[in-house]
PDB file of N, CA and C in Angstrom:
ATOM      1  N   MET A   1      71.763  97.587 116.157  1.00  0.00           N
ATOM      2  CA  MET A   1      71.223  97.172 116.773  1.00  0.00           C
ATOM      3  C   MET A   1      71.122  96.971 118.265  1.00  0.00           C
ATOM      4  N   THR A   2      70.145  96.581 119.221  1.00  0.00           N
ATOM      5  CA  THR A   2      70.939  96.392 120.436  1.00  0.00           C
ATOM      6  C   THR A   2      71.160  95.523 121.070  1.00  0.00           C
ATOM      7  N   VAL A   3      72.287  95.619 122.382  1.00  0.00           N
ATOM      8  CA  VAL A   3      72.683  94.729 122.972  1.00  0.00           C
ATOM      9  C   VAL A   3      71.206  94.083 124.056  1.00  0.00           C
ATOM     10  N   PRO A   4      71.384  92.956 123.855  1.00  0.00           N
ATOM     11  CA  PRO A   4      70.285  92.615 125.440  1.00  0.00           C
ATOM     12  C   PRO A   4      70.988  92.897 126.413  1.00  0.00           C
ATOM     13  N   VAL A   5      69.884  93.030 127.432  1.00  0.00           N
ATOM     14  CA  VAL A   5      70.280  92.967 128.867  1.00  0.00           C
ATOM     15  C   VAL A   5      71.041  91.992 129.265  1.00  0.00           C
ATOM     16  N   SER A   6      70.766  90.959 128.974  1.00  0.00           N
ATOM     17  CA  SER A   6      71.604  89.681 129.745  1.00  0.00           C
ATOM     18  C   SER A   6      72.972  89.565 129.266  1.00  0.00           C
ATOM     19  N   THR A   7      73.256  90.070 128.055  1.00  0.00           N
ATOM     20  CA  THR A   7      74.553  90.180 127.588  1.00  0.00           C
ATOM     21  C   THR A   7      75.631  91.413 128.062  1.00  0.00           C
ATOM     22  N   LYS A   8      74.270  92.286 128.352  1.00  0.00           N
ATOM     23  CA  LYS A   8      75.528  93.429 129.227  1.00  0.00           C
ATOM     24  C   LYS A   8      75.677  93.288 130.704  1.00  0.00           C
ATOM     25  N   LYS A   9      75.150  92.506 130.903  1.00  0.00           N
ATOM     26  CA  LYS A   9      75.079  92.244 132.170  1.00  0.00           C
ATOM     27  C   LYS A   9      76.372  91.065 132.601  1.00  0.00           C
ATOM     28  N   ARG A  10      76.266  89.928 131.258  1.00  0.00           N
ATOM     29  CA  ARG A  10      77.478  89.476 131.673  1.00  0.00           C
ATOM     30  C   ARG A  10      78.869  89.923 131.444  1.00  0.00           C
ATOM     31  N   ILE A  11      79.095  90.836 130.600  1.00  0.00           N
ATOM     32  CA  ILE A  11      80.124  91.885 130.114  1.00  0.00           C
ATOM     33  C   ILE A  11      80.189  92.459 131.767  1.00  0.00           C
ATOM     34  N   GLU A  12      79.659  92.964 131.885  1.00  0.00           N
ATOM     35  CA  GLU A  12      79.686  93.865 133.102  1.00  0.00           C
ATOM     36  C   GLU A  12      80.330  93.108 134.116  1.00  0.00           C
ATOM     37  N   THR A  13      79.662  91.586 134.414  1.00  0.00           N
ATOM     38  CA  THR A  13      80.435  90.794 135.818  1.00  0.00           C
ATOM     39  C   THR A  13      82.028  90.304 135.469  1.00  0.00           C
ATOM     40  N   ALA A  14      82.028  89.933 133.765  1.00  0.00           N
ATOM     41  CA  ALA A  14      83.299  90.051 133.478  1.00  0.00           C
ATOM     42  C   ALA A  14      84.398  90.822 133.649  1.00  0.00           C
ATOM     43  N   VAL A  15      83.594  92.228 133.551  1.00  0.00           N
ATOM     44  CA  VAL A  15      85.015  93.055 133.358  1.00  0.00           C
ATOM     45  C   VAL A  15      84.690  94.243 134.720  1.00  0.00           C
ATOM     46  N   GLY A  16      84.093  94.065 135.495  1.00  0.00           N
ATOM     47  CA  GLY A  16      83.448  94.449 136.872  1.00  0.00           C
ATOM     48  C   GLY A  16      84.965  95.264 137.495  1.00  0.00           C
ATOM     49  N   TYR A  17      85.838  94.547 137.587  1.00  0.00           N
ATOM     50  CA  TYR A  17      86.810  94.719 138.643  1.00  0.00           C
ATOM     51  C   TYR A  17      87.291  96.148 137.917  1.00  0.00           C
ATOM     52  N   ALA A  18      87.396  96.459 136.430  1.00  0.00           N
ATOM     53  CA  ALA A  18      87.784  97.840 136.224  1.00  0.00           C
ATOM     54  C   ALA A  18      87.167  98.882 136.659  1.00  0.00           C
ATOM     55  N   ARG A  19      85.871  98.793 137.004  1.00  0.00           N
ATOM     56  CA  ARG A  19      85.028 100.041 138.076  1.00  0.00           C
ATOM     57  C   ARG A  19      86.090 100.046 139.296  1.00  0.00           C
ATOM     58  N   PHE A  20      86.375  99.658 139.821  1.00  0.00           N
ATOM     59  CA  PHE A  20      87.130  99.625 141.585  1.00  0.00           C
ATOM     60  C   PHE A  20      88.744  99.931 140.989  1.00  0.00           C
ATOM     61  N   GLY A  21      88.937 100.356 139.941  1.00  0.00           N
ATOM     62  CA  GLY A  21      90.313 101.106 139.402  1.00  0.00           C
ATOM     63  C   GLY A  21      91.227 100.035 139.340  1.00  0.00           C
ATOM     64  N   PHE A  22      90.944  98.570 139.367  1.00  0.00           N
ATOM     65  CA  PHE A  22      92.272  97.493 139.783  1.00  0.00           C
ATOM     66  C   PHE A  22      92.604  97.390 137.891  1.00  0.00           C
ATOM     67  N   LYS A  23      94.117  97.649 137.898  1.00  0.00           N
ATOM     68  CA  LYS A  23      94.591  97.449 136.169  1.00  0.00           C
ATOM     69  C   LYS A  23      95.983  96.797 136.244  1.00  0.00           C
ATOM     70  N   THR A  24      96.344  96.032 134.947  1.00  0.00           N
ATOM     71  CA  THR A  24      97.409  95.694 135.024  1.00  0.00           C
ATOM     72  C   THR A  24      98.033  96.272 134.485  1.00  0.00           C
ATOM     73  N   GLU A  25      99.334  96.573 134.525  1.00  0.00           N
ATOM     74  CA  GLU A  25     100.172  97.285 133.586  1.00  0.00           C
ATOM     75  C   GLU A  25     100.516  96.576 132.635  1.00  0.00           C
ATOM     76  N   GLU A  26     100.955  97.038 131.375  1.00  0.00           N
ATOM     77  CA  GLU A  26     100.921  96.263 130.297  1.00  0.00           C
ATOM     78  C   GLU A  26     102.612  96.215 130.084  1.00  0.00           C
ATOM     79  N   LYS A  27     103.494  95.230 130.301  1.00  0.00           N
ATOM     80  CA  LYS A  27     104.647  95.174 129.637  1.00  0.00           C
ATOM     81  C   LYS A  27     105.208  94.321 129.074  1.00  0.00           C
ATOM     82  N   ASN A  28     105.545  94.862 127.988  1.00  0.00           N
ATOM     83  CA  ASN A  28     105.535  94.154 126.306  1.00  0.00           C
ATOM     84  C   ASN A  28     106.846  94.284 126.162  1.00  0.00           C
ATOM     85  N   THR A  29     107.702  93.776 125.050  1.00  0.00           N
ATOM     86  CA  THR A  29     108.655  93.550 124.582  1.00  0.00           C
ATOM     87  C   THR A  29     108.218  94.252 122.931  1.00  0.00           C
ATOM     88  N   TYR A  30     107.242  94.255 122.625  1.00  0.00           N
ATOM     89  CA  TYR A  30     107.094  94.559 121.232  1.00  0.00           C
ATOM     90  C   TYR A  30     105.350  94.707 121.036  1.00  0.00           C
ATOM     91  N   LYS A  31     104.605  95.341 120.576  1.00  0.00           N
ATOM     92  CA  LYS A  31     103.457  95.539 120.062  1.00  0.00           C
ATOM     93  C   LYS A  31     103.163  96.372 119.089  1.00  0.00           C
ATOM     94  N   ALA A  32     102.335  95.165 118.136  1.00  0.00           N
ATOM     95  CA  ALA A  32     102.365  95.662 116.753  1.00  0.00           C
ATOM     96  C   ALA A  32     101.432  96.771 116.598  1.00  0.00           C
ATOM     97  N   PRO A  33     101.640  97.438 115.734  1.00  0.00           N
ATOM     98  CA  PRO A  33     100.567  99.217 115.573  1.00  0.00           C
ATOM     99  C   PRO A  33      98.761  98.016 115.152  1.00  0.00           C
ATOM    100  N   LYS A  34      98.363  99.320 115.912  1.00  0.00           N
ATOM    101  CA  LYS A  34      96.812  98.913 115.687  1.00  0.00           C
ATOM    102  C   LYS A  34      96.548  98.446 113.958  1.00  0.00           C
ATOM    103  N   GLY A  35      95.547  97.603 114.261  1.00  0.00           N
ATOM    104  CA  GLY A  35      94.623  97.145 112.501  1.00  0.00           C
ATOM    105  C   GLY A  35      95.434  96.068 111.991  1.00  0.00           C
ATOM    106  N   LEU A  36      95.077  95.622 110.576  1.00  0.00           N
ATOM    107  CA  LEU A  36      95.880  94.461 110.126  1.00  0.00           C
ATOM    108  C   LEU A  36      95.769  95.020 108.813  1.00  0.00           C
ATOM    109  N   ASN A  37      97.279  95.044 108.334  1.00  0.00           N
ATOM    110  CA  ASN A  37      97.162  95.097 106.638  1.00  0.00           C
ATOM    111  C   ASN A  37      98.601  94.479 106.382  1.00  0.00           C
ATOM    112  N   GLU A  38      98.881  94.465 105.031  1.00  0.00           N
ATOM    113  CA  GLU A  38     100.082  93.975 104.624  1.00  0.00           C
ATOM    114  C   GLU A  38     101.550  94.571 105.060  1.00  0.00           C
ATOM    115  N   LYS A  39     101.505  95.552 105.285  1.00  0.00           N
ATOM    116  CA  LYS A  39     102.664  96.396 105.977  1.00  0.00           C
ATOM    117  C   LYS A  39     103.145  95.518 107.306  1.00  0.00           C
ATOM    118  N   ILE A  40     101.930  95.598 108.412  1.00  0.00           N
ATOM    119  CA  ILE A  40     101.712  95.117 109.464  1.00  0.00           C
ATOM    120  C   ILE A  40     102.279  93.633 109.637  1.00  0.00           C
ATOM    121  N   VAL A  41     101.577  92.603 108.580  1.00  0.00           N
ATOM    122  CA  VAL A  41     101.879  91.444 108.709  1.00  0.00           C
ATOM    123  C   VAL A  41     103.442  91.161 108.215  1.00  0.00           C
ATOM    124  N   LYS A  42     103.842  92.010 107.347  1.00  0.00           N
ATOM    125  CA  LYS A  42     105.612  91.913 107.336  1.00  0.00           C
ATOM    126  C   LYS A  42     106.290  92.051 108.324  1.00  0.00           C
ATOM    127  N   GLU A  43     106.054  93.162 108.979  1.00  0.00           N
ATOM    128  CA  GLU A  43     106.727  93.401 110.485  1.00  0.00           C
ATOM    129  C   GLU A  43     106.779  92.615 110.973  1.00  0.00           C
ATOM    130  N   ILE A  44     105.669  91.861 111.213  1.00  0.00           N
ATOM    131  CA  ILE A  44     105.537  90.665 112.161  1.00  0.00           C
ATOM    132  C   ILE A  44     106.013  89.642 111.952  1.00  0.00           C
ATOM    133  N   SER A  45     106.122  89.243 110.606  1.00  0.00           N
ATOM    134  CA  SER A  45     107.117  88.005 110.508  1.00  0.00           C
ATOM    135  C   SER A  45     108.405  88.171 110.414  1.00  0.00           C
ATOM    136  N   LYS A  46     108.751  89.673 110.087  1.00  0.00           N
ATOM    137  CA  LYS A  46     110.214  89.807 110.207  1.00  0.00           C
ATOM    138  C   LYS A  46     110.338  90.044 111.791  1.00  0.00           C
ATOM    139  N   ARG A  47     109.972  90.410 112.516  1.00  0.00           N
ATOM    140  CA  ARG A  47     110.268  90.536 114.206  1.00  0.00           C
ATOM    141  C   ARG A  47     110.268  88.881 114.641  1.00  0.00           C
ATOM    142  N   LYS A  48     109.436  87.895 113.930  1.00  0.00           N
ATOM    143  CA  LYS A  48     109.697  86.323 114.222  1.00  0.00           C
ATOM    144  C   LYS A  48     110.432  85.774 113.382  1.00  0.00           C
ATOM    145  N   ASN A  49     111.182  86.524 112.432  1.00  0.00           N
ATOM    146  CA  ASN A  49     112.229  85.575 111.911  1.00  0.00           C
ATOM    147  C   ASN A  49     111.416  84.673 111.242  1.00  0.00           C
ATOM    148  N   GLU A  50     110.626  84.673 110.519  1.00  0.00           N
ATOM    149  CA  GLU A  50     109.889  83.623 109.819  1.00  0.00           C
ATOM    150  C   GLU A  50     110.486  83.047 108.542  1.00  0.00           C
ATOM    151  N   PRO A  51     110.411  82.002 108.113  1.00  0.00           N
ATOM    152  CA  PRO A  51     110.687  82.122 106.439  1.00  0.00           C
ATOM    153  C   PRO A  51     109.917  82.501 105.340  1.00  0.00           C
ATOM    154  N   LYS A  52     110.302  82.906 104.167  1.00  0.00           N
ATOM    155  CA  LYS A  52     109.650  83.583 103.297  1.00  0.00           C
ATOM    156  C   LYS A  52     108.146  82.840 103.409  1.00  0.00           C
ATOM    157  N   TRP A  53     108.465  81.227 102.946  1.00  0.00           N
ATOM    158  CA  TRP A  53     107.021  80.571 102.873  1.00  0.00           C
ATOM    159  C   TRP A  53     106.275  80.786 104.043  1.00  0.00           C
ATOM    160  N   MET A  54     106.103  81.046 105.072  1.00  0.00           N
ATOM    161  CA  MET A  54     105.318  81.672 105.740  1.00  0.00           C
ATOM    162  C   MET A  54     104.713  82.713 105.930  1.00  0.00           C
ATOM    163  N   LEU A  55     105.633  84.023 105.726  1.00  0.00           N
ATOM    164  CA  LEU A  55     104.888  84.859 105.061  1.00  0.00           C
ATOM    165  C   LEU A  55     103.960  85.251 103.682  1.00  0.00           C
ATOM    166  N   ASP A  56     104.674  84.037 102.786  1.00  0.00           N
ATOM    167  CA  ASP A  56     103.490  83.865 101.850  1.00  0.00           C
ATOM    168  C   ASP A  56     102.541  83.737 102.427  1.00  0.00           C
ATOM    169  N   PHE A  57     102.152  82.464 103.129  1.00  0.00           N
ATOM    170  CA  PHE A  57     101.136  82.283 103.275  1.00  0.00           C
ATOM    171  C   PHE A  57      99.919  82.656 104.397  1.00  0.00           C
ATOM    172  N   ARG A  58     100.563  83.842 105.206  1.00  0.00           N
ATOM    173  CA  ARG A  58     100.062  84.893 105.736  1.00  0.00           C
ATOM    174  C   ARG A  58      99.528  85.988 105.068  1.00  0.00           C
ATOM    175  N   LEU A  59     100.359  86.292 103.926  1.00  0.00           N
ATOM    176  CA  LEU A  59      99.675  87.308 103.055  1.00  0.00           C
ATOM    177  C   LEU A  59      98.839  86.703 102.499  1.00  0.00           C
ATOM    178  N   LYS A  60      98.629  85.520 101.799  1.00  0.00           N
ATOM    179  CA  LYS A  60      97.416  84.875 101.183  1.00  0.00           C
ATOM    180  C   LYS A  60      96.470  84.819 102.135  1.00  0.00           C
ATOM    181  N   ALA A  61      96.652  84.549 103.281  1.00  0.00           N
ATOM    182  CA  ALA A  61      95.494  84.543 104.314  1.00  0.00           C
ATOM    183  C   ALA A  61      94.833  85.631 104.622  1.00  0.00           C
ATOM    184  N   LEU A  62      95.932  86.630 104.570  1.00  0.00           N
ATOM    185  CA  LEU A  62      95.157  87.922 105.096  1.00  0.00           C
ATOM    186  C   LEU A  62      94.122  88.459 103.676  1.00  0.00           C
ATOM    187  N   LYS A  63      94.651  88.172 102.649  1.00  0.00           N
ATOM    188  CA  LYS A  63      93.856  88.562 101.588  1.00  0.00           C
ATOM    189  C   LYS A  63      92.487  87.805 101.271  1.00  0.00           C
ATOM    190  N   THR A  64      92.569  86.288 101.914  1.00  0.00           N
ATOM    191  CA  THR A  64      91.185  85.373 102.214  1.00  0.00           C
ATOM    192  C   THR A  64      90.455  86.411 103.329  1.00  0.00           C
ATOM    193  N   PHE A  65      90.959  86.915 104.563  1.00  0.00           N
ATOM    194  CA  PHE A  65      90.348  87.658 105.886  1.00  0.00           C
ATOM    195  C   PHE A  65      89.783  88.586 105.061  1.00  0.00           C
ATOM    196  N   PHE A  66      90.218  89.352 104.263  1.00  0.00           N
ATOM    197  CA  PHE A  66      89.398  90.988 103.880  1.00  0.00           C
ATOM    198  C   PHE A  66      88.479  90.345 102.589  1.00  0.00           C
ATOM    199  N   LYS A  67      88.422  89.193 102.338  1.00  0.00           N
ATOM    200  CA  LYS A  67      87.554  88.987 101.260  1.00  0.00           C
ATOM    201  C   LYS A  67      85.989  88.585 101.767  1.00  0.00           C
ATOM    202  N   LYS A  68      86.418  87.724 102.807  1.00  0.00           N
ATOM    203  CA  LYS A  68      85.373  87.439 103.586  1.00  0.00           C
ATOM    204  C   LYS A  68      84.496  88.280 104.624  1.00  0.00           C
ATOM    205  N   PRO A  69      83.078  87.775 104.292  1.00  0.00           N
ATOM    206  CA  PRO A  69      82.183  89.085 105.221  1.00  0.00           C
ATOM    207  C   PRO A  69      82.341  88.288 106.823  1.00  0.00           C
ATOM    208  N   LEU A  70      81.968  89.429 108.018  1.00  0.00           N
ATOM    209  CA  LEU A  70      81.676  89.026 109.061  1.00  0.00           C
ATOM    210  C   LEU A  70      80.426  87.711 109.219  1.00  0.00           C
ATOM    211  N   PRO A  71      80.531  86.757 110.204  1.00  0.00           N
ATOM    212  CA  PRO A  71      79.839  86.048 110.177  1.00  0.00           C
ATOM    213  C   PRO A  71      78.465  86.160 110.833  1.00  0.00           C
ATOM    214  N   SER A  72      77.412  85.799 109.734  1.00  0.00           N
ATOM    215  CA  SER A  72      76.201  86.322 110.449  1.00  0.00           C
ATOM    216  C   SER A  72      75.394  85.339 111.276  1.00  0.00           C
ATOM    217  N   TRP A  73      76.018  84.361 111.977  1.00  0.00           N
ATOM    218  CA  TRP A  73      75.790  83.505 113.172  1.00  0.00           C
ATOM    219  C   TRP A  73      75.883  83.889 114.139  1.00  0.00           C
ATOM    220  N   GLY A  74      76.259  83.827 115.393  1.00  0.00           N
ATOM    221  CA  GLY A  74      76.543  83.648 116.727  1.00  0.00           C
ATOM    222  C   GLY A  74      75.904  85.292 116.676  1.00  0.00           C
ATOM    223  N   PRO A  75      76.944  86.026 117.929  1.00  0.00           N
ATOM    224  CA  PRO A  75      76.351  87.325 118.420  1.00  0.00           C
ATOM    225  C   PRO A  75      77.092  88.516 117.347  1.00  0.00           C
ATOM    226  N   ASP A  76      76.278  89.206 117.232  1.00  0.00           N
ATOM    227  CA  ASP A  76      76.482  90.649 116.186  1.00  0.00           C
ATOM    228  C   ASP A  76      78.023  91.236 116.496  1.00  0.00           C
ATOM    229  N   LEU A  77      78.992  90.989 115.710  1.00  0.00           N
ATOM    230  CA  LEU A  77      80.018  91.213 115.754  1.00  0.00           C
ATOM    231  C   LEU A  77      80.426  92.491 114.858  1.00  0.00           C
ATOM    232  N   THR A  78      79.297  93.431 114.568  1.00  0.00           N
ATOM    233  CA  THR A  78      79.225  94.750 113.892  1.00  0.00           C
ATOM    234  C   THR A  78      80.172  95.904 114.619  1.00  0.00           C
ATOM    235  N   GLN A  79      79.678  95.876 115.924  1.00  0.00           N
ATOM    236  CA  GLN A  79      80.106  97.014 116.901  1.00  0.00           C
ATOM    237  C   GLN A  79      81.853  96.845 117.170  1.00  0.00           C
ATOM    238  N   ILE A  80      82.381  95.611 116.657  1.00  0.00           N
ATOM    239  CA  ILE A  80      83.837  95.520 117.283  1.00  0.00           C
ATOM    240  C   ILE A  80      84.355  96.448 116.205  1.00  0.00           C
ATOM    241  N   ASN A  81      85.553  97.198 116.576  1.00  0.00           N
ATOM    242  CA  ASN A  81      86.470  97.941 115.404  1.00  0.00           C
ATOM    243  C   ASN A  81      87.436  96.893 115.569  1.00  0.00           C
ATOM    244  N   LEU A  82      87.750  96.077 114.290  1.00  0.00           N
ATOM    245  CA  LEU A  82      89.196  95.464 113.914  1.00  0.00           C
ATOM    246  C   LEU A  82      90.308  95.875 113.486  1.00  0.00           C
ATOM    247  N   GLU A  83      89.961  97.274 113.592  1.00  0.00           N
ATOM    248  CA  GLU A  83      91.067  98.060 113.387  1.00  0.00           C
ATOM    249  C   GLU A  83      91.461  99.063 114.615  1.00  0.00           C
ATOM    250  N   ASN A  84      90.802  98.519 115.741  1.00  0.00           N
ATOM    251  CA  ASN A  84      91.737  99.477 116.474  1.00  0.00           C
ATOM    252  C   ASN A  84      92.129  98.068 117.421  1.00  0.00           C
ATOM    253  N   LEU A  85      92.502  96.930 117.067  1.00  0.00           N
ATOM    254  CA  LEU A  85      93.105  95.838 117.521  1.00  0.00           C
ATOM    255  C   LEU A  85      94.707  95.758 117.640  1.00  0.00           C
ATOM    256  N   HIS A  86      95.345  95.275 118.367  1.00  0.00           N
ATOM    257  CA  HIS A  86      96.895  94.726 117.966  1.00  0.00           C
ATOM    258  C   HIS A  86      96.437  93.595 117.785  1.00  0.00           C
ATOM    259  N   TYR A  87      97.246  93.035 116.490  1.00  0.00           N
ATOM    260  CA  TYR A  87      97.249  91.572 116.202  1.00  0.00           C
ATOM    261  C   TYR A  87      98.445  90.600 116.787  1.00  0.00           C
ATOM    262  N   TYR A  88      99.232  91.735 117.266  1.00  0.00           N
ATOM    263  CA  TYR A  88     100.660  90.456 117.643  1.00  0.00           C
ATOM    264  C   TYR A  88     101.008  91.488 119.033  1.00  0.00           C
ATOM    265  N   VAL A  89     101.316  90.866 120.229  1.00  0.00           N
ATOM    266  CA  VAL A  89     102.089  91.264 121.236  1.00  0.00           C
ATOM    267  C   VAL A  89     102.921  90.209 121.775  1.00  0.00           C
ATOM    268  N   LEU A  90     104.172  90.747 121.835  1.00  0.00           N
ATOM    269  CA  LEU A  90     105.094  89.673 122.560  1.00  0.00           C
ATOM    270  C   LEU A  90     105.380  90.277 123.862  1.00  0.00           C
ATOM    271  N   PRO A  91     105.066  89.417 125.179  1.00  0.00           N
ATOM    272  CA  PRO A  91     105.145  90.013 126.350  1.00  0.00           C
ATOM    273  C   PRO A  91     106.876  89.752 126.710  1.00  0.00           C
ATOM    274  N   ARG A  92     106.914  90.918 127.562  1.00  0.00           N
ATOM    275  CA  ARG A  92     108.071  91.348 128.049  1.00  0.00           C
ATOM    276  C   ARG A  92     108.487  89.938 128.814  1.00  0.00           C
ATOM    277  N   GLY A  93     110.387  89.278 128.517  1.00  0.00           N
ATOM    278  CA  GLY A  93     110.874  88.401 129.174  1.00  0.00           C
ATOM    279  C   GLY A  93     110.467  87.331 128.308  1.00  0.00           C
ATOM    280  N   GLN A  94     109.941  87.272 127.069  1.00  0.00           N
ATOM    281  CA  GLN A  94     109.557  86.594 125.978  1.00  0.00           C
ATOM    282  C   GLN A  94     110.454  86.763 124.732  1.00  0.00           C
ATOM    283  N   LYS A  95     110.734  85.699 124.145  1.00  0.00           N
ATOM    284  CA  LYS A  95     111.826  85.762 122.990  1.00  0.00           C
ATOM    285  C   LYS A  95     111.084  85.490 121.544  1.00  0.00           C
ATOM    286  N   ASN A  96     111.383  86.090 120.474  1.00  0.00           N
ATOM    287  CA  ASN A  96     110.428  85.372 119.581  1.00  0.00           C
ATOM    288  C   ASN A  96     111.462  84.168 119.201  1.00  0.00           C
ATOM    289  N   PRO A  97     110.457  83.268 118.310  1.00  0.00           N
ATOM    290  CA  PRO A  97     110.419  81.762 118.166  1.00  0.00           C
ATOM    291  C   PRO A  97     111.692  81.713 117.266  1.00  0.00           C
ATOM    292  N   THR A  98     113.447  81.845 117.354  1.00  0.00           N
ATOM    293  CA  THR A  98     113.999  81.772 116.723  1.00  0.00           C
ATOM    294  C   THR A  98     115.175  80.304 117.116  1.00  0.00           C
ATOM    295  N   GLY A  99     115.898  80.253 116.046  1.00  0.00           N
ATOM    296  CA  GLY A  99     116.915  79.260 116.523  1.00  0.00           C
ATOM    297  C   GLY A  99     116.683  78.058 115.650  1.00  0.00           C
ATOM    298  N   LYS A 100     117.681  76.686 116.236  1.00  0.00           N
ATOM    299  CA  LYS A 100     117.436  75.714 115.771  1.00  0.00           C
ATOM    300  C   LYS A 100     115.967  74.757 116.010  1.00  0.00           C
ATOM    301  N   LYS A 101     115.611  75.217 116.992  1.00  0.00           N
ATOM    302  CA  LYS A 101     114.031  74.676 117.495  1.00  0.00           C
ATOM    303  C   LYS A 101     113.364  74.993 116.002  1.00  0.00           C
ATOM    304  N   PHE A 102     113.011  76.097 116.340  1.00  0.00           N
ATOM    305  CA  PHE A 102     112.018  77.107 115.798  1.00  0.00           C
ATOM    306  C   PHE A 102     112.276  76.650 113.954  1.00  0.00           C
ATOM    307  N   ARG A 103     113.585  76.620 113.887  1.00  0.00           N
ATOM    308  CA  ARG A 103     113.959  76.143 111.914  1.00  0.00           C
ATOM    309  C   ARG A 103     113.514  74.703 111.678  1.00  0.00           C
ATOM    310  N   LYS A 104     113.725  73.732 112.325  1.00  0.00           N
ATOM    311  CA  LYS A 104     113.400  72.496 112.346  1.00  0.00           C
ATOM    312  C   LYS A 104     111.783  72.274 112.344  1.00  0.00           C
ATOM    313  N   LYS A 105     111.246  72.876 113.248  1.00  0.00           N
ATOM    314  CA  LYS A 105     109.588  73.047 113.532  1.00  0.00           C
ATOM    315  C   LYS A 105     109.233  73.287 111.904  1.00  0.00           C
ATOM    316  N   SER A 106     109.531  74.673 111.317  1.00  0.00           N
ATOM    317  CA  SER A 106     109.536  75.159 109.909  1.00  0.00           C
ATOM    318  C   SER A 106     109.767  74.299 108.626  1.00  0.00           C
ATOM    319  N   ARG A 107     111.007  73.511 108.868  1.00  0.00           N
ATOM    320  CA  ARG A 107     111.048  72.926 107.612  1.00  0.00           C
ATOM    321  C   ARG A 107     110.212  71.575 108.051  1.00  0.00           C
ATOM    322  N   ILE A 108     109.742  71.314 109.119  1.00  0.00           N
ATOM    323  CA  ILE A 108     108.767  69.911 108.857  1.00  0.00           C
ATOM    324  C   ILE A 108     107.424  70.617 108.613  1.00  0.00           C
ATOM    325  N   LEU A 109     107.286  72.027 108.548  1.00  0.00           N
ATOM    326  CA  LEU A 109     105.633  72.069 108.336  1.00  0.00           C
ATOM    327  C   LEU A 109     105.912  72.554 106.752  1.00  0.00           C
ATOM    328  N   SER A 110     107.033  73.312 106.489  1.00  0.00           N
ATOM    329  CA  SER A 110     107.385  73.728 104.840  1.00  0.00           C
ATOM    330  C   SER A 110     106.987  72.343 103.746  1.00  0.00           C
ATOM    331  N   LYS A 111     107.483  71.204 104.716  1.00  0.00           N
ATOM    332  CA  LYS A 111     107.612  69.708 103.774  1.00  0.00           C
ATOM    333  C   LYS A 111     105.989  69.448 103.427  1.00  0.00           C
ATOM    334  N   GLY A 112     105.253  69.814 104.421  1.00  0.00           N
ATOM    335  CA  GLY A 112     103.523  69.073 104.647  1.00  0.00           C
ATOM    336  C   GLY A 112     103.869  67.667 105.035  1.00  0.00           C
ATOM    337  N   SER A 113     102.672  67.422 105.232  1.00  0.00           N
ATOM    338  CA  SER A 113     102.364  66.207 106.147  1.00  0.00           C
ATOM    339  C   SER A 113     101.721  64.983 104.963  1.00  0.00           C
ATOM    340  N   GLY A 114     101.775  65.364 103.897  1.00  0.00           N
ATOM    341  CA  GLY A 114     101.478  64.606 102.756  1.00  0.00           C
ATOM    342  C   GLY A 114     102.502  63.048 102.338  1.00  0.00           C
ATOM    343  N   SER A 115     103.381  63.114 102.885  1.00  0.00           N
ATOM    344  CA  SER A 115     104.643  62.329 102.875  1.00  0.00           C
ATOM    345  C   SER A 115     104.275  61.025 103.657  1.00  0.00           C
ATOM    346  N   ARG A 116     103.223  61.171 104.347  1.00  0.00           N
ATOM    347  CA  ARG A 116     103.224  59.917 105.085  1.00  0.00           C
ATOM    348  C   ARG A 116     101.783  59.003 104.249  1.00  0.00           C
ATOM    349  N   LYS A 117     102.254  57.673 104.160  1.00  0.00           N
ATOM    350  CA  LYS A 117     100.987  56.902 103.494  1.00  0.00           C
ATOM    351  C   LYS A 117      99.972  56.244 104.516  1.00  0.00           C
ATOM    352  N   PRO A 118      98.486  56.363 104.360  1.00  0.00           N
ATOM    353  CA  PRO A 118      97.803  55.874 105.397  1.00  0.00           C
ATOM    354  C   PRO A 118      98.051  54.255 105.556  1.00  0.00           C
ATOM    355  N   LYS A 119      97.837  53.824 107.085  1.00  0.00           N
ATOM    356  CA  LYS A 119      98.083  52.376 107.217  1.00  0.00           C
ATOM    357  C   LYS A 119      96.766  51.688 106.384  1.00  0.00           C
ATOM    358  N   SER A 120      97.303  50.587 105.792  1.00  0.00           N
ATOM    359  CA  SER A 120      95.944  49.656 105.351  1.00  0.00           C
ATOM    360  C   SER A 120      95.194  49.288 106.110  1.00  0.00           C
ATOM    361  N   VAL A 121      93.795  49.039 106.035  1.00  0.00           N
ATOM    362  CA  VAL A 121      92.808  48.300 107.099  1.00  0.00           C
ATOM    363  C   VAL A 121      92.931  47.268 106.405  1.00  0.00           C
ATOM    364  N   SER A 122      92.884  45.812 107.679  1.00  0.00           N
ATOM    365  CA  SER A 122      92.867  44.783 107.451  1.00  0.00           C
ATOM    366  C   SER A 122      91.202  44.217 107.450  1.00  0.00           C
TER     367      SER A 122
END
């Protein structure tokens, strides 16, 4: 499928600065390998110090992701090489979300939101 001229012009406008040699140097603490698979998801989860339930959730979501076809609505996504993307980058100067604050949020999320009863309408 060919890309419409109007789309090409919008892309050129958005990234036109690259033609003039402007570039921002990447400064990352960690950059996951390109692509997405179970090994990479486990590595990212380990680096983020996530609880086991979250890793299990991510692995289940990964299996669902691979079962789903690309959307047929909207722009054509078939030309995007999903294996050529870095799915997790931790910028320099930022730390992984660890510590008391993260563990507290994890406990709240793991309990689920079903414990609250809706208010009755009078």
